C-alpha atoms as a PDB file:
ATOM      1  CA  MET A   1       0.129  -0.108  -0.433  1.00  0.00           C
ATOM      2  CA  ALA A   2       1.642   3.047  -0.957  1.00  0.00           C
ATOM      3  CA  THR A   3       1.767   6.689   0.952  1.00  0.00           C
ATOM      4  CA  ARG A   4       3.525   9.657   0.969  1.00  0.00           C
ATOM      5  CA  GLY A   5       6.359  10.156   3.672  1.00  0.00           C
ATOM      6  CA  SER A   6       4.889  12.466   5.826  1.00  0.00           C
ATOM      7  CA  ASP A   7       3.290  12.233   9.281  1.00  0.00           C
ATOM      8  CA  LEU A   8       0.604  12.616   8.368  1.00  0.00           C
ATOM      9  CA  ALA A   9       0.088  11.002   5.942  1.00  0.00           C
ATOM     10  CA  LEU A  10       2.117   8.075   7.555  1.00  0.00           C
ATOM     11  CA  ARG A  11      -0.850   8.203  10.284  1.00  0.00           C
ATOM     12  CA  GLN A  12      -3.614   8.395   7.980  1.00  0.00           C
ATOM     13  CA  THR A  13      -2.302   5.144   6.476  1.00  0.00           C
ATOM     14  CA  ALA A  14      -2.080   3.325   9.864  1.00  0.00           C
ATOM     15  CA  SER A  15      -5.496   3.796   9.989  1.00  0.00           C
ATOM     16  CA  VAL A  16      -6.167   1.934   6.441  1.00  0.00           C
ATOM     17  CA  ARG A  17      -3.927  -0.614   7.253  1.00  0.00           C
ATOM     18  CA  ASP A  18      -5.259  -1.460  10.640  1.00  0.00           C
ATOM     19  CA  ALA A  19      -9.218  -1.518   9.383  1.00  0.00           C
ATOM     20  CA  LEU A  20      -7.552  -4.072   6.061  1.00  0.00           C
ATOM     21  CA  SER A  21      -4.956  -6.049   8.759  1.00  0.00           C
ATOM     22  CA  GLY A  22      -6.420  -9.573   9.543  1.00  0.00           C
ATOM     23  CA  ARG A  23      -5.339 -12.717  10.670  1.00  0.00           C
ATOM     24  CA  HIS A  24      -4.755 -13.903   6.622  1.00  0.00           C
ATOM     25  CA  ARG A  25      -3.726 -10.682   5.985  1.00  0.00           C
ATOM     26  CA  THR A  26      -0.755  -7.996   6.686  1.00  0.00           C
ATOM     27  CA  ILE A  27      -0.332  -5.138   4.715  1.00  0.00           C
ATOM     28  CA  GLU A  28       2.805  -3.608   3.668  1.00  0.00           C
ATOM     29  CA  VAL A  29       2.752   0.481   3.490  1.00  0.00           C
ATOM     30  CA  VAL A  30       5.844   1.464   1.060  1.00  0.00           C
ATOM     31  CA  GLU A  31       6.657   5.468   1.319  1.00  0.00           C
ATOM     32  CA  VAL A  32       6.837   7.313  -2.089  1.00  0.00           C
ATOM     33  CA  SER A  33       8.651  10.244  -3.047  1.00  0.00           C
ATOM     34  CA  THR A  34       5.766  12.963  -4.845  1.00  0.00           C
ATOM     35  CA  GLU A  35       6.164  16.263  -6.854  1.00  0.00           C
ATOM     36  CA  GLY A  36       4.782  17.756  -4.134  1.00  0.00           C
ATOM     37  CA  ASP A  37       6.737  17.065  -1.491  1.00  0.00           C
ATOM     38  CA  ARG A  38       9.925  17.323  -3.413  1.00  0.00           C
ATOM     39  CA  ILE A  39       8.485  21.012  -5.012  1.00  0.00           C
ATOM     40  CA  ARG A  40       9.153  23.329  -0.839  1.00  0.00           C
ATOM     41  CA  ASP A  41       9.004  26.213  -1.729  1.00  0.00           C
ATOM     42  CA  GLU A  42       6.307  26.608  -4.450  1.00  0.00           C
ATOM     43  CA  LEU A  43       2.960  26.797  -3.183  1.00  0.00           C
ATOM     44  CA  ILE A  44       0.430  23.829  -4.111  1.00  0.00           C
ATOM     45  CA  HIS A  45      -1.375  25.527  -6.638  1.00  0.00           C
ATOM     46  CA  ARG A  46       1.837  26.884  -8.964  1.00  0.00           C
ATOM     47  CA  LEU A  47       2.732  22.694  -8.859  1.00  0.00           C
ATOM     48  CA  GLY A  48       1.089  22.747 -12.349  1.00  0.00           C
ATOM     49  CA  LYS A  49      -1.763  20.165 -12.612  1.00  0.00           C
ATOM     50  CA  THR A  50      -4.101  19.161  -9.807  1.00  0.00           C
ATOM     51  CA  GLY A  51      -2.697  16.529  -7.772  1.00  0.00           C
ATOM     52  CA  ALA A  52       0.958  17.147  -7.226  1.00  0.00           C
ATOM     53  CA  PHE A  53       0.682  14.396  -3.895  1.00  0.00           C
ATOM     54  CA  VAL A  54      -0.898  11.764  -5.949  1.00  0.00           C
ATOM     55  CA  ARG A  55       0.308  10.731  -9.542  1.00  0.00           C
ATOM     56  CA  ALA A  56       3.173   8.782  -8.209  1.00  0.00           C
ATOM     57  CA  LEU A  57       1.452   6.638  -5.272  1.00  0.00           C
ATOM     58  CA  ASP A  58      -1.563   5.704  -8.149  1.00  0.00           C
ATOM     59  CA  GLU A  59       1.553   5.216 -10.674  1.00  0.00           C
ATOM     60  CA  LYS A  60       2.740   2.245  -8.523  1.00  0.00           C
ATOM     61  CA  VAL A  61      -1.326   1.158  -8.377  1.00  0.00           C
ATOM     62  CA  LEU A  62      -1.161   1.321 -12.227  1.00  0.00           C
ATOM     63  CA  ASP A  63       1.878  -0.300 -12.611  1.00  0.00           C
ATOM     64  CA  GLY A  64       0.966  -3.548  -9.802  1.00  0.00           C
ATOM     65  CA  ASP A  65       3.842  -2.574  -7.961  1.00  0.00           C
ATOM     66  CA  VAL A  66       1.007  -2.205  -4.639  1.00  0.00           C
ATOM     67  CA  ASP A  67      -2.356  -2.449  -4.582  1.00  0.00           C
ATOM     68  CA  ALA A  68      -3.562   0.426  -2.648  1.00  0.00           C
ATOM     69  CA  ALA A  69      -2.655   3.998  -2.658  1.00  0.00           C
ATOM     70  CA  VAL A  70      -3.800   5.983  -0.116  1.00  0.00           C
ATOM     71  CA  HIS A  71      -4.306  10.204  -0.230  1.00  0.00           C
ATOM     72  CA  SER A  72      -6.142  12.811   1.260  1.00  0.00           C
ATOM     73  CA  MET A  73      -9.268  12.710  -0.975  1.00  0.00           C
ATOM     74  CA  LYS A  74      -8.478  16.685  -1.331  1.00  0.00           C
ATOM     75  CA  ASP A  75      -5.360  16.247  -2.974  1.00  0.00           C
ATOM     76  CA  MET A  76      -7.056  14.477  -5.745  1.00  0.00           C
ATOM     77  CA  PRO A  77      -7.464  15.410  -9.222  1.00  0.00           C
ATOM     78  CA  THR A  78     -10.605  14.676  -9.842  1.00  0.00           C
ATOM     79  CA  GLU A  79     -10.416  12.951 -13.057  1.00  0.00           C
ATOM     80  CA  SER A  80      -7.962  10.180 -13.093  1.00  0.00           C
ATOM     81  CA  PRO A  81      -7.482   7.110 -15.498  1.00  0.00           C
ATOM     82  CA  ASP A  82     -10.066   4.729 -16.359  1.00  0.00           C
ATOM     83  CA  ASP A  83      -8.677   1.451 -14.755  1.00  0.00           C
ATOM     84  CA  LEU A  84      -7.703   3.305 -11.274  1.00  0.00           C
ATOM     85  CA  VAL A  85     -10.648   3.537  -8.853  1.00  0.00           C
ATOM     86  CA  VAL A  86     -11.365   4.830  -5.298  1.00  0.00           C
ATOM     87  CA  ALA A  87     -12.122   1.509  -3.558  1.00  0.00           C
ATOM     88  CA  GLY A  88     -12.445   3.095  -0.196  1.00  0.00           C
ATOM     89  CA  VAL A  89     -13.816   6.113   1.435  1.00  0.00           C
ATOM     90  CA  PRO A  90     -13.424   5.523   5.459  1.00  0.00           C
ATOM     91  CA  ASP A  91     -15.154   7.796   7.179  1.00  0.00           C
ATOM     92  CA  ARG A  92     -14.344  11.013   7.530  1.00  0.00           C
ATOM     93  CA  ALA A  93     -13.032  13.403  10.401  1.00  0.00           C
ATOM     94  CA  PRO A  94     -13.986  16.790  10.535  1.00  0.00           C
ATOM     95  CA  ALA A  95     -13.995  18.674   7.813  1.00  0.00           C
ATOM     96  CA  GLY A  96     -13.817  22.373   8.150  1.00  0.00           C
ATOM     97  CA  ASP A  97     -11.165  24.618   9.234  1.00  0.00           C
ATOM     98  CA  VAL A  98      -9.637  25.865  12.539  1.00  0.00           C
ATOM     99  CA  LEU A  99      -7.353  29.043  12.595  1.00  0.00           C
ATOM    100  CA  VAL A 100      -4.716  28.532  15.051  1.00  0.00           C
ATOM    101  CA  THR A 101      -2.946  31.630  17.556  1.00  0.00           C
ATOM    102  CA  PRO A 102      -0.267  31.243  19.471  1.00  0.00           C
ATOM    103  CA  ASP A 103      -3.060  31.890  22.364  1.00  0.00           C
ATOM    104  CA  GLY A 104      -7.164  31.355  21.157  1.00  0.00           C
ATOM    105  CA  THR A 105      -7.350  34.428  19.860  1.00  0.00           C
ATOM    106  CA  ASP A 106     -10.954  34.519  17.627  1.00  0.00           C
ATOM    107  CA  LEU A 107     -11.055  35.884  14.066  1.00  0.00           C
ATOM    108  CA  ASP A 108     -12.919  39.341  14.958  1.00  0.00           C
ATOM    109  CA  ASP A 109      -9.787  39.643  17.520  1.00  0.00           C
ATOM    110  CA  LEU A 110      -7.533  39.295  15.848  1.00  0.00           C
ATOM    111  CA  PRO A 111      -6.083  43.411  15.277  1.00  0.00           C
ATOM    112  CA  ALA A 112      -6.040  44.673  11.735  1.00  0.00           C
ATOM    113  CA  GLY A 113      -3.179  43.997   9.703  1.00  0.00           C
ATOM    114  CA  ALA A 114      -2.723  40.924  11.403  1.00  0.00           C
ATOM    115  CA  VAL A 115      -0.458  38.662   9.538  1.00  0.00           C
ATOM    116  CA  VAL A 116      -2.355  35.105   8.980  1.00  0.00           C
ATOM    117  CA  GLY A 117      -0.830  32.056   7.098  1.00  0.00           C
ATOM    118  CA  THR A 118      -2.442  29.713   4.452  1.00  0.00           C
ATOM    119  CA  SER A 119      -1.259  27.761   1.342  1.00  0.00           C
ATOM    120  CA  SER A 120      -4.447  27.271  -0.086  1.00  0.00           C
ATOM    121  CA  LEU A 121      -6.247  29.737  -2.465  1.00  0.00           C
ATOM    122  CA  ARG A 122      -9.434  28.984  -1.334  1.00  0.00           C
ATOM    123  CA  ARG A 123      -8.673  29.926   2.559  1.00  0.00           C
ATOM    124  CA  GLY A 124      -6.950  32.979   1.812  1.00  0.00           C
ATOM    125  CA  ALA A 125      -9.724  34.478  -0.456  1.00  0.00           C
ATOM    126  CA  GLN A 126     -12.474  33.801   2.577  1.00  0.00           C
ATOM    127  CA  LEU A 127     -10.536  35.809   4.977  1.00  0.00           C
ATOM    128  CA  ARG A 128     -10.089  38.423   2.831  1.00  0.00           C
ATOM    129  CA  ARG A 129     -14.074  38.105   2.682  1.00  0.00           C
ATOM    130  CA  GLU A 130     -14.287  38.146   6.087  1.00  0.00           C
ATOM    131  CA  ARG A 131     -11.020  40.981   7.131  1.00  0.00           C
ATOM    132  CA  ASP A 132     -10.014  42.841   4.278  1.00  0.00           C
ATOM    133  CA  ASP A 133      -7.207  44.494   6.626  1.00  0.00           C
ATOM    134  CA  LEU A 134      -5.362  41.473   7.716  1.00  0.00           C
ATOM    135  CA  GLN A 135      -2.108  40.244   5.575  1.00  0.00           C
ATOM    136  CA  ILE A 136      -2.125  36.718   4.213  1.00  0.00           C
ATOM    137  CA  GLU A 137       1.211  35.311   3.275  1.00  0.00           C
ATOM    138  CA  PRO A 138       1.342  32.384   2.452  1.00  0.00           C
ATOM    139  CA  LEU A 139       2.356  28.807   4.389  1.00  0.00           C
ATOM    140  CA  ARG A 140       4.027  25.301   3.283  1.00  0.00           C
ATOM    141  CA  GLY A 141       4.742  22.623   5.053  1.00  0.00           C
ATOM    142  CA  ASN A 142       3.781  19.195   7.114  1.00  0.00           C
ATOM    143  CA  VAL A 143       0.951  20.094   9.557  1.00  0.00           C
ATOM    144  CA  ASP A 144       3.882  19.975  12.751  1.00  0.00           C
ATOM    145  CA  THR A 145       6.753  22.522  10.865  1.00  0.00           C
ATOM    146  CA  ARG A 146       3.083  25.248  10.047  1.00  0.00           C
ATOM    147  CA  LEU A 147       2.226  24.938  13.526  1.00  0.00           C
ATOM    148  CA  GLU A 148       6.256  25.491  15.158  1.00  0.00           C
ATOM    149  CA  LYS A 149       6.231  28.517  12.460  1.00  0.00           C
ATOM    150  CA  LEU A 150       3.786  29.842  14.372  1.00  0.00           C
ATOM    151  CA  LEU A 151       4.770  29.540  17.562  1.00  0.00           C
ATOM    152  CA  ALA A 152       8.626  30.090  16.964  1.00  0.00           C
ATOM    153  CA  PRO A 153       8.642  33.659  17.705  1.00  0.00           C
ATOM    154  CA  PRO A 154       6.939  34.472  21.041  1.00  0.00           C
ATOM    155  CA  LEU A 155       8.653  30.993  22.433  1.00  0.00           C
ATOM    156  CA  GLN A 156      11.673  32.760  21.077  1.00  0.00           C
ATOM    157  CA  ARG A 157      11.492  35.972  22.768  1.00  0.00           C
ATOM    158  CA  GLU A 158      10.006  35.068  25.752  1.00  0.00           C
ATOM    159  CA  HIS A 159      11.952  32.268  26.619  1.00  0.00           C
ATOM    160  CA  GLN A 160      15.233  34.998  26.028  1.00  0.00           C
ATOM    161  CA  ARG A 161      13.442  37.717  28.548  1.00  0.00           C
ATOM    162  CA  ARG A 162      13.832  34.747  30.955  1.00  0.00           C
ATOM    163  CA  LEU A 163      17.297  34.194  29.731  1.00  0.00           C
ATOM    164  CA  ASP A 164      17.625  37.764  30.047  1.00  0.00           C
ATOM    165  CA  ALA A 165      16.428  37.926  33.780  1.00  0.00           C
ATOM    166  CA  GLU A 166      18.150  35.778  35.033  1.00  0.00           C
ATOM    167  CA  ASP A 167      21.687  37.077  33.750  1.00  0.00           C
ATOM    168  CA  GLU A 168      20.865  40.310  35.603  1.00  0.00           C
ATOM    169  CA  ASP A 169      19.987  38.173  38.604  1.00  0.00           C
ATOM    170  CA  GLU A 170      23.175  36.935  37.895  1.00  0.00           C
ATOM    171  CA  GLY A 171      21.927  33.035  38.277  1.00  0.00           C
ATOM    172  CA  GLU A 172      19.125  33.972  41.097  1.00  0.00           C
ATOM    173  CA  HIS A 173      15.778  33.341  40.391  1.00  0.00           C
ATOM    174  CA  PRO A 174      14.325  36.787  38.881  1.00  0.00           C
ATOM    175  CA  ASP A 175      10.874  38.074  40.855  1.00  0.00           C
ATOM    176  CA  ALA A 176       9.708  38.767  37.451  1.00  0.00           C
ATOM    177  CA  PHE A 177       9.345  35.049  36.457  1.00  0.00           C
ATOM    178  CA  ASP A 178       7.169  32.509  38.690  1.00  0.00           C
ATOM    179  CA  ARG A 179      10.078  29.633  36.987  1.00  0.00           C
ATOM    180  CA  THR A 180      13.078  29.414  36.381  1.00  0.00           C
ATOM    181  CA  ALA A 181      14.368  29.051  32.255  1.00  0.00           C
ATOM    182  CA  ALA A 182      15.319  25.880  32.641  1.00  0.00           C
ATOM    183  CA  GLU A 183      11.629  24.851  34.271  1.00  0.00           C
ATOM    184  CA  TRP A 184       9.923  26.882  32.172  1.00  0.00           C
ATOM    185  CA  PHE A 185      10.856  24.929  29.314  1.00  0.00           C
ATOM    186  CA  ASP A 186      10.199  21.881  30.978  1.00  0.00           C
ATOM    187  CA  ALA A 187       6.227  22.787  31.438  1.00  0.00           C
ATOM    188  CA  LEU A 188       6.936  23.374  27.625  1.00  0.00           C
ATOM    189  CA  ASN A 189       4.834  20.588  25.091  1.00  0.00           C
ATOM    190  CA  GLU A 190       6.929  18.404  22.602  1.00  0.00           C
ATOM    191  CA  LEU A 191       5.517  20.651  19.795  1.00  0.00           C
ATOM    192  CA  GLU A 192       6.562  23.959  21.604  1.00  0.00           C
ATOM    193  CA  ARG A 193       9.760  22.619  22.277  1.00  0.00           C
ATOM    194  CA  GLN A 194      10.896  21.589  18.560  1.00  0.00           C
ATOM    195  CA  ALA A 195       8.984  25.728  17.793  1.00  0.00           C
ATOM    196  CA  LEU A 196      12.180  26.728  20.067  1.00  0.00           C
ATOM    197  CA  GLU A 197      14.543  25.634  17.642  1.00  0.00           C
ATOM    198  CA  ARG A 198      12.908  26.677  14.092  1.00  0.00           C
ATOM    199  CA  ASP A 199      14.185  29.018  12.043  1.00  0.00           C
ATOM    200  CA  PHE A 200      11.155  31.302  10.339  1.00  0.00           C
ATOM    201  CA  GLU A 201      10.948  34.545   8.004  1.00  0.00           C
ATOM    202  CA  THR A 202       7.672  35.236   9.018  1.00  0.00           C
ATOM    203  CA  GLU A 203       6.111  35.883  11.676  1.00  0.00           C
ATOM    204  CA  TYR A 204       2.673  35.035  11.870  1.00  0.00           C
ATOM    205  CA  ASP A 205      -0.816  35.882  14.111  1.00  0.00           C
ATOM    206  CA  GLY A 206      -2.461  33.586  13.138  1.00  0.00           C
ATOM    207  CA  ILE A 207      -2.379  29.774  10.450  1.00  0.00           C
ATOM    208  CA  VAL A 208      -5.557  28.656   9.073  1.00  0.00           C
ATOM    209  CA  LEU A 209      -5.256  24.284   8.798  1.00  0.00           C
ATOM    210  CA  ALA A 210      -8.157  21.868   8.828  1.00  0.00           C
ATOM    211  CA  GLU A 211      -9.097  20.311  11.867  1.00  0.00           C
ATOM    212  CA  ALA A 212      -8.780  16.944  10.549  1.00  0.00           C
ATOM    213  CA  GLY A 213      -5.237  17.601   9.624  1.00  0.00           C
ATOM    214  CA  ILE A 214      -3.984  18.531  13.258  1.00  0.00           C
ATOM    215  CA  ARG A 215      -6.093  15.926  14.625  1.00  0.00           C
ATOM    216  CA  ARG A 216      -4.664  13.055  12.547  1.00  0.00           C
ATOM    217  CA  SER A 217      -1.728  14.221  13.438  1.00  0.00           C
ATOM    218  CA  GLY A 218      -2.280  14.237  17.077  1.00  0.00           C
ATOM    219  CA  LEU A 219      -1.764  17.681  17.746  1.00  0.00           C
ATOM    220  CA  PHE A 220      -4.537  18.994  18.321  1.00  0.00           C
ATOM    221  CA  ASP A 221      -4.749  19.505  21.802  1.00  0.00           C
ATOM    222  CA  ALA A 222      -1.186  20.966  21.530  1.00  0.00           C
ATOM    223  CA  VAL A 223      -2.533  23.999  20.098  1.00  0.00           C
ATOM    224  CA  GLU A 224      -4.892  26.903  20.458  1.00  0.00           C
ATOM    225  CA  THR A 225      -7.807  26.410  18.069  1.00  0.00           C
ATOM    226  CA  VAL A 226     -11.340  28.547  16.878  1.00  0.00           C
ATOM    227  CA  ARG A 227     -13.063  26.514  14.931  1.00  0.00           C
ATOM    228  CA  LEU A 228     -14.003  28.374  12.040  1.00  0.00           C
ATOM    229  CA  PRO A 229     -18.188  28.450  10.636  1.00  0.00           C
ATOM    230  CA  LYS A 230     -18.779  26.730   7.643  1.00  0.00           C
ATOM    231  CA  GLN A 231     -21.270  28.704   6.027  1.00  0.00           C
ATOM    232  CA  SER A 232     -18.415  31.383   5.543  1.00  0.00           C
ATOM    233  CA  PHE A 233     -15.240  29.342   5.618  1.00  0.00           C
ATOM    234  CA  VAL A 234     -16.852  26.441   3.149  1.00  0.00           C
ATOM    235  CA  PRO A 235     -14.345  23.338   3.340  1.00  0.00           C
ATOM    236  CA  ALA A 236     -12.225  21.816   0.462  1.00  0.00           C
ATOM    237  CA  PRO A 237     -14.229  19.268  -1.581  1.00  0.00           C
ATOM    238  CA  GLY A 238     -13.207  16.063   0.359  1.00  0.00           C
ATOM    239  CA  GLN A 239     -11.748  17.939   2.964  1.00  0.00           C
ATOM    240  CA  GLY A 240     -11.156  15.397   5.640  1.00  0.00           C
ATOM    241  CA  ALA A 241     -11.818  12.367   4.067  1.00  0.00           C
ATOM    242  CA  ILE A 242      -8.946   9.332   3.411  1.00  0.00           C
ATOM    243  CA  ALA A 243      -9.579   7.519   0.152  1.00  0.00           C
ATOM    244  CA  VAL A 244      -7.470   4.147  -0.739  1.00  0.00           C
ATOM    245  CA  THR A 245      -7.517   3.658  -4.514  1.00  0.00           C
ATOM    246  CA  ALA A 246      -6.390   0.543  -6.474  1.00  0.00           C
ATOM    247  CA  LYS A 247      -6.705  -1.011 -10.106  1.00  0.00           C
ATOM    248  CA  ALA A 248      -9.956  -1.673 -11.187  1.00  0.00           C
ATOM    249  CA  GLY A 249     -10.785  -5.340 -11.502  1.00  0.00           C
ATOM    250  CA  THR A 250      -8.856  -6.675  -8.791  1.00  0.00           C
ATOM    251  CA  ASP A 251      -9.486  -8.226  -6.284  1.00  0.00           C
ATOM    252  CA  ALA A 252      -8.385  -4.815  -3.906  1.00  0.00           C
ATOM    253  CA  VAL A 253     -11.514  -2.887  -4.787  1.00  0.00           C
ATOM    254  CA  GLU A 254     -13.661  -5.674  -3.307  1.00  0.00           C
ATOM    255  CA  THR A 255     -11.729  -6.324  -0.172  1.00  0.00           C
ATOM    256  CA  ILE A 256     -10.999  -2.738   0.025  1.00  0.00           C
ATOM    257  CA  HIS A 257     -14.460  -1.047   0.250  1.00  0.00           C
ATOM    258  CA  ASN A 258     -16.412  -3.947   1.904  1.00  0.00           C
ATOM    259  CA  LEU A 259     -13.434  -3.307   5.206  1.00  0.00           C
ATOM    260  CA  VAL A 260     -13.316   0.394   4.815  1.00  0.00           C
ATOM    261  CA  ASP A 261     -15.543   2.080   2.618  1.00  0.00           C
ATOM    262  CA  ASP A 262     -18.076   4.456   4.267  1.00  0.00           C
ATOM    263  CA  PRO A 263     -21.644   5.017   2.690  1.00  0.00           C
ATOM    264  CA  VAL A 264     -22.580   8.076   4.489  1.00  0.00           C
ATOM    265  CA  THR A 265     -18.858   9.592   3.305  1.00  0.00           C
ATOM    266  CA  ARG A 266     -19.030   8.489   0.222  1.00  0.00           C
ATOM    267  CA  VAL A 267     -22.373  10.142  -0.288  1.00  0.00           C
ATOM    268  CA  GLU A 268     -20.798  13.286   0.667  1.00  0.00           C
ATOM    269  CA  THR A 269     -17.543  13.262  -0.916  1.00  0.00           C
ATOM    270  CA  THR A 270     -19.048  12.003  -4.255  1.00  0.00           C
ATOM    271  CA  VAL A 271     -21.308  14.744  -4.199  1.00  0.00           C
ATOM    272  CA  GLU A 272     -18.813  17.418  -3.133  1.00  0.00           C
ATOM    273  CA  ARG A 273     -16.124  16.008  -5.867  1.00  0.00           C
ATOM    274  CA  THR A 274     -19.174  15.735  -8.947  1.00  0.00           C
ATOM    275  CA  ILE A 275     -19.506  19.882  -8.622  1.00  0.00           C
ATOM    276  CA  LEU A 276     -15.293  20.571  -8.207  1.00  0.00           C
ATOM    277  CA  ALA A 277     -15.862  18.623 -11.258  1.00  0.00           C
ATOM    278  CA  GLU A 278     -18.891  20.288 -12.829  1.00  0.00           C
ATOM    279  CA  LEU A 279     -17.520  23.788 -12.102  1.00  0.00           C
ATOM    280  CA  GLY A 280     -13.522  23.019 -13.860  1.00  0.00           C
ATOM    281  CA  GLY A 281     -11.956  24.937 -10.797  1.00  0.00           C
ATOM    282  CA  GLY A 282      -9.086  22.819  -9.669  1.00  0.00           C
ATOM    283  CA  CYS A 283      -6.380  24.025  -8.009  1.00  0.00           C
ATOM    284  CA  ILE A 284      -7.173  27.107  -9.664  1.00  0.00           C
ATOM    285  CA  ALA A 285      -9.717  29.353  -8.354  1.00  0.00           C
ATOM    286  CA  PRO A 286     -10.880  29.123  -4.671  1.00  0.00           C
ATOM    287  CA  ILE A 287     -13.568  26.848  -4.675  1.00  0.00           C
ATOM    288  CA  GLY A 288     -15.030  25.600  -1.637  1.00  0.00           C
ATOM    289  CA  VAL A 289     -18.344  22.800  -1.437  1.00  0.00           C
ATOM    290  CA  HIS A 290     -19.500  21.053   1.669  1.00  0.00           C
ATOM    291  CA  ALA A 291     -22.062  17.891   1.564  1.00  0.00           C
ATOM    292  CA  LEU A 292     -23.703  16.512   5.124  1.00  0.00           C
ATOM    293  CA  VAL A 293     -26.109  13.549   4.575  1.00  0.00           C
ATOM    294  CA  GLN A 294     -29.064  14.609   6.639  1.00  0.00           C
ATOM    295  CA  GLY A 295     -31.872  11.000   6.280  1.00  0.00           C
ATOM    296  CA  GLU A 296     -33.158  11.454   2.443  1.00  0.00           C
ATOM    297  CA  TYR A 297     -31.518  14.463   1.789  1.00  0.00           C
ATOM    298  CA  VAL A 298     -28.175  16.416   1.351  1.00  0.00           C
ATOM    299  CA  GLN A 299     -27.033  19.375   2.311  1.00  0.00           C
ATOM    300  CA  VAL A 300     -24.716  20.948   0.098  1.00  0.00           C
ATOM    301  CA  THR A 301     -23.439  24.238   0.505  1.00  0.00           C
ATOM    302  CA  VAL A 302     -20.137  26.127  -1.937  1.00  0.00           C
ATOM    303  CA  GLN A 303     -18.618  28.772  -2.665  1.00  0.00           C
ATOM    304  CA  VAL A 304     -17.146  30.052  -5.833  1.00  0.00           C
ATOM    305  CA  LEU A 305     -14.936  32.979  -4.546  1.00  0.00           C
ATOM    306  CA  SER A 306     -12.593  35.676  -6.928  1.00  0.00           C
ATOM    307  CA  LEU A 307      -8.790  35.917  -5.403  1.00  0.00           C
ATOM    308  CA  ASP A 308      -9.008  38.845  -3.557  1.00  0.00           C
ATOM    309  CA  GLY A 309     -12.711  37.856  -1.769  1.00  0.00           C
ATOM    310  CA  SER A 310     -13.778  40.388  -2.940  1.00  0.00           C
ATOM    311  CA  GLU A 311     -16.345  38.302  -5.035  1.00  0.00           C
ATOM    312  CA  ALA A 312     -17.728  35.436  -4.617  1.00  0.00           C
ATOM    313  CA  ILE A 313     -21.483  32.966  -5.852  1.00  0.00           C
ATOM    314  CA  GLU A 314     -22.319  31.198  -3.117  1.00  0.00           C
ATOM    315  CA  ARG A 315     -25.631  28.383  -2.604  1.00  0.00           C
ATOM    316  CA  SER A 316     -27.214  26.457  -0.152  1.00  0.00           C
ATOM    317  CA  VAL A 317     -29.477  23.230  -1.097  1.00  0.00           C
ATOM    318  CA  ASP A 318     -30.892  19.805  -0.132  1.00  0.00           C
ATOM    319  CA  LEU A 319     -30.569  17.492  -2.690  1.00  0.00           C
ATOM    320  CA  PRO A 320     -31.775  14.208  -3.019  1.00  0.00           C
ATOM    321  CA  ILE A 321     -29.933  11.079  -1.845  1.00  0.00           C
ATOM    322  CA  ALA A 322     -31.022   8.816  -4.578  1.00  0.00           C
ATOM    323  CA  ASP A 323     -30.153  10.961  -6.985  1.00  0.00           C
ATOM    324  CA  HIS A 324     -27.247  13.042  -5.365  1.00  0.00           C
ATOM    325  CA  ALA A 325     -24.368  12.577  -8.121  1.00  0.00           C
ATOM    326  CA  ASP A 326     -26.413  14.122 -11.133  1.00  0.00           C
ATOM    327  CA  ALA A 327     -28.402  16.455  -8.910  1.00  0.00           C
ATOM    328  CA  ALA A 328     -25.234  17.748  -7.690  1.00  0.00           C
ATOM    329  CA  ALA A 329     -23.886  17.778 -11.904  1.00  0.00           C
ATOM    330  CA  SER A 330     -27.431  20.528 -11.978  1.00  0.00           C
ATOM    331  CA  ILE A 331     -26.209  22.403  -9.269  1.00  0.00           C
ATOM    332  CA  ALA A 332     -23.013  23.144 -10.821  1.00  0.00           C
ATOM    333  CA  ALA A 333     -24.203  23.667 -14.192  1.00  0.00           C
ATOM    334  CA  ASP A 334     -26.561  26.438 -12.650  1.00  0.00           C
ATOM    335  CA  LEU A 335     -23.601  27.658 -10.413  1.00  0.00           C
ATOM    336  CA  ARG A 336     -21.439  28.556 -14.030  1.00  0.00           C
ATOM    337  CA  GLU A 337     -24.713  30.282 -15.324  1.00  0.00           C
ATOM    338  CA  ALA A 338     -24.823  32.500 -12.358  1.00  0.00           C
ATOM    339  CA  GLY A 339     -21.241  33.344 -12.567  1.00  0.00           C
ATOM    340  CA  ALA A 340     -19.040  30.869 -11.296  1.00  0.00           C
ATOM    341  CA  ALA A 341     -17.829  30.372 -14.885  1.00  0.00           C
ATOM    342  CA  ASP A 342     -16.981  33.628 -15.515  1.00  0.00           C
ATOM    343  CA  LEU A 343     -14.742  33.797 -11.382  1.00  0.00           C
ATOM    344  CA  ILE A 344     -12.771  30.817 -11.975  1.00  0.00           C
ATOM    345  CA  ASP A 345     -12.023  31.900 -15.611  1.00  0.00           C
ATOM    346  CA  ARG A 346     -10.056  35.188 -13.718  1.00  0.00           C
ATOM    347  CA  ALA A 347      -8.467  32.920 -11.566  1.00  0.00           C
ATOM    348  CA  ARG A 348      -6.987  30.841 -14.330  1.00  0.00           C
ATOM    349  CA  GLU A 349      -5.610  33.492 -15.987  1.00  0.00           C
ATOM    350  CA  GLU A 350      -4.285  35.602 -12.885  1.00  0.00           C
ATOM    351  CA  ALA A 351      -3.082  31.942 -12.800  1.00  0.00           C
ATOM    352  CA  ASP A 352      -1.393  32.315 -15.820  1.00  0.00           C
ATOM    353  CA  GLU A 353      -0.200  35.259 -15.453  1.00  0.00           C
END
């Protein structure tokens, strides 16, 4: 089973491996380097075609080197070879985004001109739409790296303050602090200790990440987070979901589907990805789509924005679950006619420039 080598990817793959493993079945995990992993200094939307973190893994599947590959679904292109199928979609983690700050500040309480980091065109446009006074700066790296970049400046300043105070008091316990620098350091969690050693170029007041990624990385309790409302910060299609791909017609497809697939998550992500595919925005336009199964209907929220967040085409509708894929395609067609196509074309032109 192929996977990227990041900590998050390995954790996601481990959950799939555990679900598939049995008395007569042993799952071997194969780490694969992808284009997205190799090009560290470019934002996701500049890496070329959609699927910078996906293609190398699926090539291993199609070549027969591995039986399956594990992906973050939001990274997957909507177009794929005919002989490649999504065999399993496990139960989805929380789909929304969170604002992470050093002290748990809410988005509305950030000061004018605050610097917020994100690697996503969608998140950047949504932030500008909600707070056009913020400064949006690029941010890349694995989940732990991004969190360390946020925490590094205030932690390093605090550490230096304590060291300076001890120097002034000639090694005695400084009256201004309840703990020595060493005691303060010992009370830090592992993420904070790593941040103390982190070099940084930009000082962020906050960063926006997927809640699922922080939770799956085991870091949710190590940082201060505020959930962003899904109505105004509509998640990326497939966010929070894992996709397990396999070659069509192989025994692996049925095995994975039977042991891993969650029907509700399958319906929700099918709706989201169908709308994305019909809109044609890929990774070059700010598009959010979130679906939630509610009985016989699927509640869907769609948001297509201009890159600067000043314009948006938005819809919230209920689709019949019995015909969810065709209904999703119809909604996408309506959105295109309502102006979404123009916003996507403009985003594509700006990306080309």
